[in-house]
Protein backbone atom coordinates (compact mmCIF):
# COMPACT_ATOMS: atom_id res chain seq x y z
CA MET A 1 -0.11 -0.02 0.00
CA PRO A 2 2.56 2.68 0.98
CA GLN A 3 4.04 4.65 -2.15
CA THR A 4 7.80 4.91 -2.54
CA HIS A 5 9.28 8.17 -3.11
CA ARG A 6 8.14 9.22 -6.78
CA PRO A 7 11.17 11.05 -8.22
CA ALA A 8 10.28 13.99 -10.56
CA GLN A 9 10.65 13.33 -14.16
CA VAL A 10 13.66 14.31 -16.20
CA GLY A 11 13.16 17.87 -17.67
CA ALA A 12 10.61 18.77 -15.18
CA THR A 13 10.70 22.05 -13.20
CA ILE A 14 10.45 21.88 -9.45
CA ALA A 15 10.25 24.14 -6.58
CA ALA A 16 10.62 24.31 -2.77
CA ILE A 17 10.12 27.11 -0.36
CA ASP A 18 11.81 27.18 3.10
CA MET A 19 9.67 29.20 5.70
CA GLY A 20 12.51 29.99 8.01
CA SER A 21 12.47 32.18 11.24
CA ASN A 22 14.37 34.93 9.73
CA SER A 23 14.01 34.54 6.03
CA PHE A 24 11.95 32.84 3.43
CA HIS A 25 13.68 31.12 0.60
CA LEU A 26 12.39 30.01 -2.89
CA ALA A 27 14.43 27.62 -5.11
CA ILE A 28 13.50 26.66 -8.60
CA ALA A 29 15.15 23.72 -10.27
CA ARG A 30 15.17 21.61 -13.51
CA VAL A 31 15.46 17.96 -13.00
CA MET A 32 18.34 16.84 -15.32
CA GLU A 33 19.18 13.09 -16.27
CA ASN A 34 21.63 12.54 -13.27
CA ASN A 35 21.43 16.01 -11.45
CA VAL A 36 19.57 19.11 -10.58
CA GLN A 37 19.91 22.42 -12.34
CA ILE A 38 19.13 25.06 -10.01
CA LEU A 39 17.24 28.00 -12.16
CA HIS A 40 16.60 30.53 -9.65
CA ARG A 41 17.03 31.36 -6.04
CA VAL A 42 14.95 34.13 -4.19
CA LYS A 43 15.62 35.11 -0.64
CA GLN A 44 13.44 37.57 1.49
CA ARG A 45 13.95 38.48 5.03
CA VAL A 46 10.65 38.13 6.78
CA SER A 47 11.73 37.73 10.47
CA LEU A 48 8.93 35.62 11.30
CA ALA A 49 10.37 34.94 14.90
CA GLU A 50 10.53 38.62 15.74
CA GLY A 51 8.08 40.04 18.17
CA MET A 52 7.13 36.61 19.59
CA ASP A 53 5.51 36.72 22.80
CA LYS A 54 6.44 34.70 25.88
CA ALA A 55 4.40 31.72 25.00
CA GLY A 56 6.03 31.65 21.45
CA ASN A 57 2.85 33.15 19.52
CA LEU A 58 3.78 34.79 16.26
CA ALA A 59 3.39 38.56 16.09
CA ASP A 60 0.60 39.74 13.76
CA ASP A 61 2.93 42.23 11.86
CA ALA A 62 5.50 39.33 11.19
CA MET A 63 2.60 37.05 9.96
CA GLN A 64 1.72 39.69 7.76
CA ARG A 65 5.22 40.22 6.26
CA GLY A 66 5.29 36.37 5.72
CA LEU A 67 1.94 36.21 3.89
CA GLU A 68 3.31 39.12 1.50
CA CYS A 69 6.38 37.32 0.80
CA LEU A 70 4.36 34.17 -0.18
CA GLU A 71 2.06 36.21 -2.56
CA GLN A 72 5.34 37.22 -4.15
CA PHE A 73 6.70 33.63 -4.36
CA ALA A 74 3.22 32.57 -5.82
CA GLN A 75 3.32 34.87 -8.67
CA ARG A 76 6.78 33.77 -9.33
CA LEU A 77 5.93 30.15 -9.27
CA GLN A 78 2.80 30.86 -11.76
CA GLU A 79 5.32 32.34 -14.32
CA SER A 80 7.70 29.38 -14.21
CA GLN A 81 5.24 26.42 -14.83
CA ILE A 82 6.18 24.43 -11.92
CA SER A 83 5.37 20.74 -12.00
CA ASP A 84 5.79 19.88 -8.27
CA LEU A 85 6.36 22.16 -5.13
CA ARG A 86 7.16 21.26 -1.48
CA LEU A 87 6.81 23.83 1.20
CA VAL A 88 8.59 23.49 4.56
CA ALA A 89 8.46 25.56 7.71
CA THR A 90 10.99 25.44 10.54
CA TYR A 91 11.40 26.90 13.98
CA ALA A 92 9.21 29.87 14.37
CA LEU A 93 6.09 27.91 13.03
CA ARG A 94 6.83 24.61 14.76
CA GLN A 95 6.98 26.70 18.08
CA ALA A 96 4.11 28.86 17.74
CA PRO A 97 0.79 27.86 19.36
CA ASN A 98 -1.01 30.28 16.86
CA ARG A 99 0.79 28.59 13.80
CA ASN A 100 -2.55 27.42 12.36
CA THR A 101 -3.65 31.15 11.99
CA PHE A 102 -0.71 31.61 9.56
CA LEU A 103 -0.98 28.29 7.89
CA LYS A 104 -4.63 28.48 6.98
CA GLN A 105 -3.86 31.85 5.25
CA ALA A 106 -0.63 30.66 3.38
CA ARG A 107 -2.56 27.70 2.19
CA LEU A 108 -5.13 29.98 0.50
CA ILE A 109 -2.17 31.67 -1.24
CA LEU A 110 -0.22 28.65 -2.35
CA ASP A 111 -2.78 26.07 -2.59
CA GLN A 112 -0.46 23.42 -0.93
CA PRO A 113 0.03 21.80 2.31
CA ILE A 114 2.78 23.22 4.41
CA GLU A 115 5.20 20.82 6.24
CA VAL A 116 6.11 22.12 9.72
CA ILE A 117 9.26 19.93 10.26
CA ALA A 118 10.79 18.77 13.34
CA GLY A 119 14.17 19.97 14.25
CA ARG A 120 16.05 16.90 13.54
CA GLU A 121 14.21 16.26 10.23
CA GLU A 122 15.18 20.01 9.21
CA ALA A 123 18.83 18.84 9.96
CA ARG A 124 18.54 15.63 8.01
CA LEU A 125 17.36 18.06 5.00
CA ILE A 126 20.16 20.47 5.46
CA PHE A 127 22.73 17.60 5.33
CA HIS A 128 21.01 16.36 2.26
CA GLY A 129 21.38 19.60 0.42
CA VAL A 130 24.98 19.89 1.64
CA SER A 131 26.10 16.48 0.70
CA HIS A 132 24.65 16.97 -2.69
CA ALA A 133 26.71 20.27 -3.26
CA GLU A 134 29.89 18.92 -1.46
CA GLU A 135 31.98 15.87 -1.63
CA LEU A 136 31.92 14.78 1.95
CA ASP A 137 34.80 12.00 1.75
CA VAL A 138 35.70 12.61 5.25
CA PRO A 139 33.42 12.90 8.62
CA THR A 140 32.24 16.36 8.46
CA LEU A 141 30.58 18.51 11.00
CA VAL A 142 27.95 20.80 9.18
CA ILE A 143 26.42 23.85 11.24
CA ASP A 144 23.30 25.84 10.11
CA ILE A 145 22.61 28.88 12.23
CA GLY A 146 18.86 30.04 11.46
CA GLY A 147 16.79 32.59 13.01
CA GLY A 148 15.19 30.43 15.96
CA SER A 149 17.40 27.37 15.72
CA THR A 150 20.76 25.88 15.06
CA GLU A 151 21.32 22.53 13.57
CA LEU A 152 24.37 20.59 13.94
CA ILE A 153 24.85 17.41 11.98
CA ILE A 154 27.88 14.81 11.50
CA GLY A 155 27.81 12.84 8.36
CA GLN A 156 29.93 11.46 5.56
CA ASP A 157 29.22 10.32 1.89
CA GLY A 158 25.58 11.28 2.16
CA GLU A 159 24.83 9.62 5.46
CA PRO A 160 24.46 11.50 8.65
CA PHE A 161 25.74 9.88 11.79
CA GLN A 162 24.57 12.57 14.33
CA LEU A 163 21.64 15.10 13.76
CA GLU A 164 20.64 17.71 16.54
CA SER A 165 18.48 21.00 16.45
CA LEU A 166 19.04 23.41 19.28
CA ASN A 167 16.62 26.35 20.09
CA MET A 168 19.09 29.24 19.58
CA GLY A 169 19.36 31.43 16.54
CA CYS A 170 20.22 34.61 15.26
CA VAL A 171 16.56 36.24 15.85
CA SER A 172 15.90 34.82 19.11
CA PHE A 173 19.54 35.55 20.51
CA GLN A 174 19.26 39.27 19.05
CA ASP A 175 16.04 39.99 20.91
CA ARG A 176 17.39 38.59 24.15
CA TYR A 177 21.03 39.81 24.37
CA PHE A 178 21.32 42.69 21.97
CA ASP A 179 17.95 44.26 22.38
CA GLN A 180 17.82 48.03 21.08
CA GLY A 181 21.02 47.16 19.00
CA LYS A 182 23.38 47.66 21.92
CA LEU A 183 26.95 45.89 21.75
CA SER A 184 29.33 45.29 24.62
CA ILE A 185 31.74 42.45 25.71
CA LYS A 186 29.37 41.63 28.64
CA ARG A 187 26.40 41.09 26.36
CA PHE A 188 28.67 38.94 23.90
CA GLU A 189 29.84 36.59 26.75
CA LYS A 190 26.41 36.23 27.96
CA ALA A 191 25.08 35.27 24.71
CA ILE A 192 28.11 32.96 23.91
CA LEU A 193 27.92 31.30 27.32
CA ALA A 194 24.15 30.70 26.59
CA ALA A 195 24.96 29.10 23.33
CA GLN A 196 27.71 26.91 25.08
CA GLN A 197 25.24 25.78 27.56
CA ARG A 198 22.81 24.56 24.98
CA LEU A 199 25.58 22.77 23.47
CA GLU A 200 26.49 20.81 26.76
CA PRO A 201 23.96 17.61 26.13
CA LEU A 202 25.37 16.94 22.92
CA LEU A 203 29.12 17.45 23.46
CA GLU A 204 30.10 13.87 24.79
CA ARG A 205 27.99 12.01 21.83
CA TYR A 206 29.56 14.60 19.07
CA GLN A 207 33.28 14.42 20.44
CA GLN A 208 33.33 10.36 20.30
CA GLN A 209 31.54 10.74 16.91
CA GLY A 210 34.28 12.83 15.78
CA TRP A 211 34.93 14.90 12.59
CA GLN A 212 37.52 15.93 10.29
CA ALA A 213 36.30 18.86 8.60
CA ALA A 214 33.68 21.63 9.35
CA LEU A 215 31.28 23.25 7.09
CA GLY A 216 28.56 26.14 7.72
CA THR A 217 25.81 27.05 5.83
CA SER A 218 22.99 29.55 5.29
CA GLY A 219 22.83 33.21 5.65
CA THR A 220 24.62 34.01 9.24
CA ILE A 221 27.51 31.96 8.27
CA LYS A 222 27.82 33.19 4.87
CA ALA A 223 27.94 36.81 6.26
CA LEU A 224 30.61 35.92 8.58
CA THR A 225 32.45 34.25 5.94
CA GLN A 226 32.30 37.50 4.04
CA VAL A 227 33.10 39.60 7.35
CA CYS A 228 36.34 37.40 7.97
CA LEU A 229 37.45 37.90 4.32
CA GLN A 230 37.09 41.55 4.58
CA GLU A 231 38.08 42.46 7.93
CA PHE A 232 41.10 39.94 8.34
CA GLU A 233 41.62 38.66 4.86
CA GLN A 234 40.73 35.13 5.87
CA PRO A 235 39.13 32.83 3.23
CA LEU A 236 37.86 30.65 6.21
CA ILE A 237 36.30 31.29 9.41
CA THR A 238 38.65 30.69 12.26
CA ARG A 239 38.09 30.79 15.80
CA LYS A 240 40.82 33.59 16.16
CA SER A 241 38.94 35.83 13.59
CA LEU A 242 35.58 35.37 15.54
CA GLU A 243 37.22 36.30 18.95
CA LYS A 244 38.60 39.29 16.99
CA LEU A 245 35.12 40.29 15.59
CA VAL A 246 33.62 40.08 18.92
CA SER A 247 36.10 42.90 20.08
CA LYS A 248 35.60 44.80 17.08
CA LEU A 249 31.77 44.91 17.39
CA ALA A 250 31.80 45.31 21.37
CA ASP A 251 33.97 48.44 20.82
CA ALA A 252 31.50 49.91 18.27
CA GLY A 253 29.00 49.90 21.00
CA HIS A 254 25.84 49.75 18.75
CA ILE A 255 24.71 47.82 15.57
CA ASP A 256 24.22 51.27 13.68
CA LYS A 257 28.07 51.98 14.18
CA MET A 258 29.57 48.51 13.15
CA GLY A 259 30.39 49.75 9.55
CA MET A 260 30.48 46.78 7.31
CA THR A 261 28.36 48.45 4.51
CA TYR A 262 29.20 45.57 2.36
CA LEU A 263 26.56 43.47 4.18
CA SER A 264 22.96 43.74 3.44
CA GLU A 265 20.70 46.00 5.40
CA SER A 266 18.86 42.91 6.45
CA ARG A 267 21.73 40.99 7.61
CA ARG A 268 23.48 43.58 9.86
CA PRO A 269 20.89 43.90 12.63
CA VAL A 270 21.15 40.02 13.36
CA LEU A 271 24.98 39.50 12.79
CA PRO A 272 26.13 39.97 16.51
CA ALA A 273 23.74 37.39 17.76
CA GLY A 274 24.77 34.85 15.09
CA LEU A 275 28.41 35.52 15.69
CA ALA A 276 27.90 34.81 19.41
CA VAL A 277 26.05 31.29 18.53
CA LEU A 278 28.88 30.46 16.21
CA LEU A 279 31.52 31.33 18.67
CA GLY A 280 29.75 29.43 21.16
CA CYS A 281 29.89 26.38 18.87
CA PHE A 282 33.63 26.94 18.19
CA ARG A 283 34.39 26.99 21.75
CA ALA A 284 32.16 24.18 23.15
CA LEU A 285 33.26 22.03 20.00
CA GLU A 286 36.68 23.01 19.70
CA ILE A 287 36.51 23.96 16.23
CA GLN A 288 39.56 25.97 14.65
CA GLU A 289 38.33 26.55 11.40
CA MET A 290 35.13 26.19 9.00
CA GLY A 291 34.40 26.43 5.35
CA PHE A 292 31.11 27.60 3.66
CA CYS A 293 28.75 25.72 1.57
CA ASP A 294 26.09 27.63 -0.11
CA ALA A 295 23.44 24.65 -0.19
CA ALA A 296 21.00 24.46 2.58
CA LEU A 297 17.58 23.43 3.50
CA ARG A 298 15.73 24.47 0.27
CA GLU A 299 18.44 22.31 -1.95
CA GLY A 300 17.88 19.34 0.62
CA VAL A 301 14.09 19.51 -0.20
CA ILE A 302 14.75 19.99 -4.04
CA PHE A 303 17.23 16.97 -4.30
CA GLU A 304 15.04 14.78 -2.33
CA MET A 305 12.12 15.78 -4.79
CA ALA A 306 14.09 14.98 -7.77
CA ASN A 307 15.80 11.86 -6.30
CA ARG A 308 16.02 9.39 -9.05
CA ALA A 309 17.15 6.29 -7.05
CA PRO A 310 14.77 3.56 -6.90
CA GLN A 311 14.70 3.35 -3.27
CA PRO A 312 11.71 3.32 -0.56
CA SER A 313 10.82 6.35 0.91
CA VAL A 314 12.45 8.00 3.76
CA CYS A 315 9.09 7.15 5.77
CA GLN A 316 9.44 3.53 4.99
CA HIS A 317 12.87 3.30 6.44
CA THR A 318 11.74 5.33 9.49
CA VAL A 319 8.82 2.85 10.00
CA GLU A 320 10.81 -0.15 9.69
CA ALA A 321 13.59 1.16 12.08
CA MET A 322 11.06 2.05 14.89
CA GLN A 323 9.41 -1.49 14.63
CA ARG A 324 12.82 -3.10 14.93
CA LEU A 325 13.76 -0.44 17.81
CA TYR A 326 10.30 -1.42 19.54
CA HIS A 327 10.16 -5.14 18.72
CA VAL A 328 6.72 -4.69 16.89
CA ASP A 329 5.48 -7.73 15.81
CA VAL A 330 5.84 -6.75 11.89
CA ARG A 331 3.46 -9.51 10.30
CA HIS A 332 0.58 -8.50 12.74
CA ALA A 333 1.29 -4.80 12.03
CA LYS A 334 1.25 -5.12 8.35
CA ARG A 335 -2.03 -7.08 8.50
CA VAL A 336 -3.68 -4.44 10.79
CA ALA A 337 -2.50 -1.75 8.34
CA ASP A 338 -3.56 -3.45 5.43
CA THR A 339 -7.10 -4.22 6.75
CA ALA A 340 -7.57 -0.49 8.14
CA CYS A 341 -6.87 0.78 4.31
CA HIS A 342 -9.38 -1.82 3.03
CA CYS A 343 -11.79 -0.32 5.38
CA TYR A 344 -10.85 3.38 4.51
CA ARG A 345 -10.74 2.57 0.55
CA ALA A 346 -14.78 1.77 0.96
CA GLN A 347 -15.53 5.73 1.48
CA SER A 348 -16.20 7.62 -1.36
CA SER A 349 -14.08 10.68 0.01
CA ALA A 350 -11.15 8.55 0.69
CA ASP A 351 -7.79 10.55 0.09
CA ASP A 352 -4.34 9.06 -0.98
CA ALA A 353 -2.29 10.93 1.55
CA LEU A 354 -4.38 10.05 4.47
CA GLU A 355 -4.87 6.33 3.50
CA GLU A 356 -0.77 6.44 3.41
CA LEU A 357 -0.69 7.87 6.99
CA LEU A 358 -3.45 5.32 7.79
CA TYR A 359 -1.13 2.48 6.88
CA TRP A 360 1.82 3.85 8.82
CA GLY A 361 -0.44 4.18 11.72
CA GLY A 362 -1.33 0.58 11.61
CA GLN A 363 2.17 -0.35 11.43
CA LEU A 364 3.16 1.86 14.38
CA HIS A 365 0.27 1.32 16.60
CA GLU A 366 1.89 -1.20 19.02
CA VAL A 367 4.77 0.59 19.57
CA GLY A 368 3.93 0.88 22.90
CA LEU A 369 3.83 -2.68 23.92
CA ALA A 370 7.67 -2.28 24.42
CA LEU A 371 7.15 -0.09 27.36
CA ASN A 372 3.99 -1.92 29.02
CA SER A 373 1.09 -3.99 27.80
CA LYS A 374 -1.19 -2.16 30.35
CA GLY A 375 -2.23 1.44 28.71
CA VAL A 376 -0.47 0.48 25.47
CA GLN A 377 -2.14 3.06 23.69
CA ARG A 378 -0.86 5.83 25.78
CA HIS A 379 2.65 4.79 25.51
CA SER A 380 2.22 4.48 21.64
CA GLU A 381 0.82 8.09 21.67
CA TYR A 382 4.04 9.30 23.59
CA ILE A 383 6.41 7.48 21.29
CA LEU A 384 4.85 8.70 18.12
CA ALA A 385 4.59 12.21 19.19
CA ASN A 386 8.03 12.51 20.67
CA SER A 387 10.35 10.36 18.32
CA ASN A 388 12.64 11.46 15.87
CA MET A 389 10.59 10.51 12.59
CA ALA A 390 12.76 11.24 9.49
CA GLY A 391 10.51 11.76 6.57
CA PHE A 392 7.40 12.99 8.63
CA TYR A 393 6.45 16.56 9.26
CA LEU A 394 5.08 17.77 12.63
CA GLU A 395 1.35 17.38 11.69
CA GLN A 396 1.86 13.91 10.37
CA GLN A 397 3.34 12.89 13.57
CA GLN A 398 0.50 14.57 15.53
CA LEU A 399 -1.96 12.54 13.56
CA LEU A 400 0.12 9.00 13.98
CA ALA A 401 0.21 9.86 17.73
CA PHE A 402 -3.67 10.49 17.81
CA LEU A 403 -4.30 7.20 16.04
CA GLY A 404 -1.90 5.48 18.42
CA ARG A 405 -3.71 6.91 21.52
CA TRP A 406 -7.08 6.19 20.40
CA HIS A 407 -6.71 2.72 18.56
CA ARG A 408 -8.31 0.77 21.39
CA LYS A 409 -10.42 0.96 24.51
CA ARG A 410 -12.95 3.94 25.43
CA LEU A 411 -13.39 7.21 23.39
CA ASP A 412 -15.05 9.20 26.04
CA GLU A 413 -12.21 11.93 26.16
CA CYS A 414 -11.22 11.56 22.47
CA GLU A 415 -10.75 14.97 20.60
CA PRO A 416 -9.16 15.10 17.12
CA PRO A 417 -6.08 17.39 17.27
CA ASN A 418 -6.42 20.89 15.54
CA LEU A 419 -4.48 20.22 12.15
CA GLU A 420 -4.25 21.70 8.91
CA LEU A 421 -3.52 18.25 7.43
CA ALA A 422 -7.12 17.07 7.96
CA LYS A 423 -10.23 18.02 9.24
CA GLY A 424 -11.43 16.41 12.64
CA SER A 425 -14.14 14.35 10.79
CA GLN A 426 -11.47 12.88 8.46
CA MET A 427 -9.25 12.13 11.29
CA LEU A 428 -12.05 10.25 13.19
CA GLY A 429 -12.95 8.38 9.95
CA LEU A 430 -9.19 7.18 9.91
CA LEU A 431 -9.44 6.11 13.50
CA VAL A 432 -12.67 4.20 12.96
CA CYS A 433 -10.69 2.13 10.41
CA LEU A 434 -7.92 1.49 12.47
CA ARG A 435 -10.07 0.63 15.45
CA LEU A 436 -12.02 -1.91 13.21
CA SER A 437 -9.11 -3.37 11.86
CA VAL A 438 -7.59 -3.90 15.42
CA ILE A 439 -10.91 -5.50 16.31
CA TRP A 440 -10.81 -7.96 13.14
CA HIS A 441 -7.32 -9.22 14.09
CA LEU A 442 -7.65 -9.39 17.66
CA GLY A 443 -5.58 -12.47 19.00
CA ARG A 444 -3.44 -12.30 16.13
CA ARG A 445 -6.04 -13.64 13.69
CA HIS A 446 -4.43 -13.26 10.11
CA HIS A 447 -6.36 -15.66 7.94
CA VAL A 448 -9.85 -14.18 8.25
CA ALA A 449 -12.22 -12.85 5.52
CA LEU A 450 -12.67 -9.17 5.58
CA PRO A 451 -16.05 -7.32 5.83
CA THR A 452 -17.49 -5.13 3.07
CA LEU A 453 -18.10 -1.67 4.47
CA THR A 454 -20.89 0.72 3.45
CA TRP A 455 -20.28 4.20 4.85
CA GLN A 456 -22.62 7.17 5.58
CA LYS A 457 -21.90 10.43 7.46
CA ARG A 458 -20.62 9.35 10.92
CA ALA A 459 -21.87 5.87 10.39
CA VAL A 460 -20.70 2.75 8.94
CA HIS A 461 -22.18 -0.75 8.29
CA LEU A 462 -20.45 -4.03 8.11
CA THR A 463 -21.30 -6.66 5.81
CA LEU A 464 -20.09 -9.81 7.46
CA PRO A 465 -18.66 -12.76 5.68
CA GLU A 466 -20.66 -15.72 6.13
CA ALA A 467 -18.09 -17.53 8.04
CA LEU A 468 -18.27 -14.91 10.68
CA THR A 469 -21.98 -14.48 11.16
CA ASP A 470 -21.87 -16.80 14.16
CA ASP A 471 -18.55 -15.82 15.57
CA ALA A 472 -19.84 -15.05 19.21
CA LEU A 473 -16.41 -13.60 20.35
CA LEU A 474 -16.28 -11.02 17.22
CA LEU A 475 -20.02 -10.12 17.63
CA ALA A 476 -19.17 -9.25 21.28
CA ASP A 477 -16.27 -7.19 20.40
CA LEU A 478 -18.57 -5.37 17.81
CA GLU A 479 -21.18 -4.76 20.36
CA GLN A 480 -18.67 -3.28 22.70
CA GLU A 481 -17.01 -1.25 19.90
CA ALA A 482 -20.46 0.21 18.74
CA GLU A 483 -20.90 1.46 22.46
CA HIS A 484 -17.53 3.18 22.06
CA LEU A 485 -18.35 4.84 18.90
CA HIS A 486 -21.60 6.03 20.18
CA SER A 487 -19.67 8.22 22.76
CA ILE A 488 -18.25 10.16 20.07
CA GLY A 489 -21.31 10.50 17.94
CA TRP A 490 -20.74 7.56 15.58
CA GLN A 491 -22.84 4.59 14.57
CA LEU A 492 -21.61 1.10 13.87
CA SER A 493 -23.96 -1.67 12.67
CA TRP A 494 -23.54 -5.07 11.03
CA GLY A 495 -25.26 -7.90 9.51
CA GLU A 496 -25.07 -10.48 6.81
């Protein structure tokens, strides 16, 4: 049932939009026989993370800037005859409780789902972009400093060994440590120390892994590379040059007095904060020098869209890895997943993308058994909501966690999450399919005929196979399930 990754056709024009905390990026590319040709890049500073309140809610002005930027991108996309488009959003939107306010309006502009991706998924895609642009023939540390988060990856030859995303970035640190543009040694040292503290939990793991080269990517490190070349005639970023730059900016006393007119007006205000974050990384990880790579998240998305290799999707690898980690009964999980999809396809409004998520939900509904058979559904929910699930974006994980939480037992407190991915009624329809499948295969019954389903609004009727019309245990389970579904306003009936 699950679809393997469908690569773009040779000659197709594809595009990716990266909605970052500081800047929005658009990349348009043409798929070649064995490569991708980037046709056009657009970057616009939006500062989406600017003015966030203490709860992390996006400011109205920031959301408006973001929507105006997307309107411009949409116009450019219409002119370019795009055959495929992927939209990803990072730190600001994954942190914001009010993100759906922005996402609903953005969806109207672009008519395309927006993937709010987890930090480690962002790190994976960044490394994917770098590893296609650079030959990483030795273990390499890659650092990407964004507006709200910093990603650190160690990998080689396209394979990431360590992935991490930390909540520190040039916009968030600028607001906290360099408010009103004030610069001083004391402010820098506070910001650098804060960065080092955030790095503490990963130090031992990263140092044990080790690396032989370091690369930086994205706007902050690009600007610092430019500064090191202009101010110190250093083609690489070195720890010594970063320390000198801190002293130089502290002496200036204010962002407006930094000079460096060769930097863009949008980059100068956040440069001190980005400098503090990067120097914190250099000190904590004992980095001496770092090169720059122009590819980043948007290129990673583009290269993944254009991937011509006949390999299963990243999601498939993730699901199989989780099944191994949590000792899932794979044969039973696949049977449950297949039957759930059989139930779902009987609906006239079945959606391919949601069916695929239902399949993954069936494959993973019992991951919680590895913790404890009592309350397995709660354990499954926790694991699915909090695991690093490469290939899945935030709302997809939330939906999988919802299915894991309510795949069995009572439904009195069941409430679908507020997602852009699917309506509440659609999520409940998926859940009903998974619950019926779980019932059908209770006791690991695999060689059993499947029912025929007839769907109406918030109601489903099962036509039972002749061999099961007198199955007392199954009928008792259906009686109990009818009571559970009634508590959420659904009706279940059955007969020959």
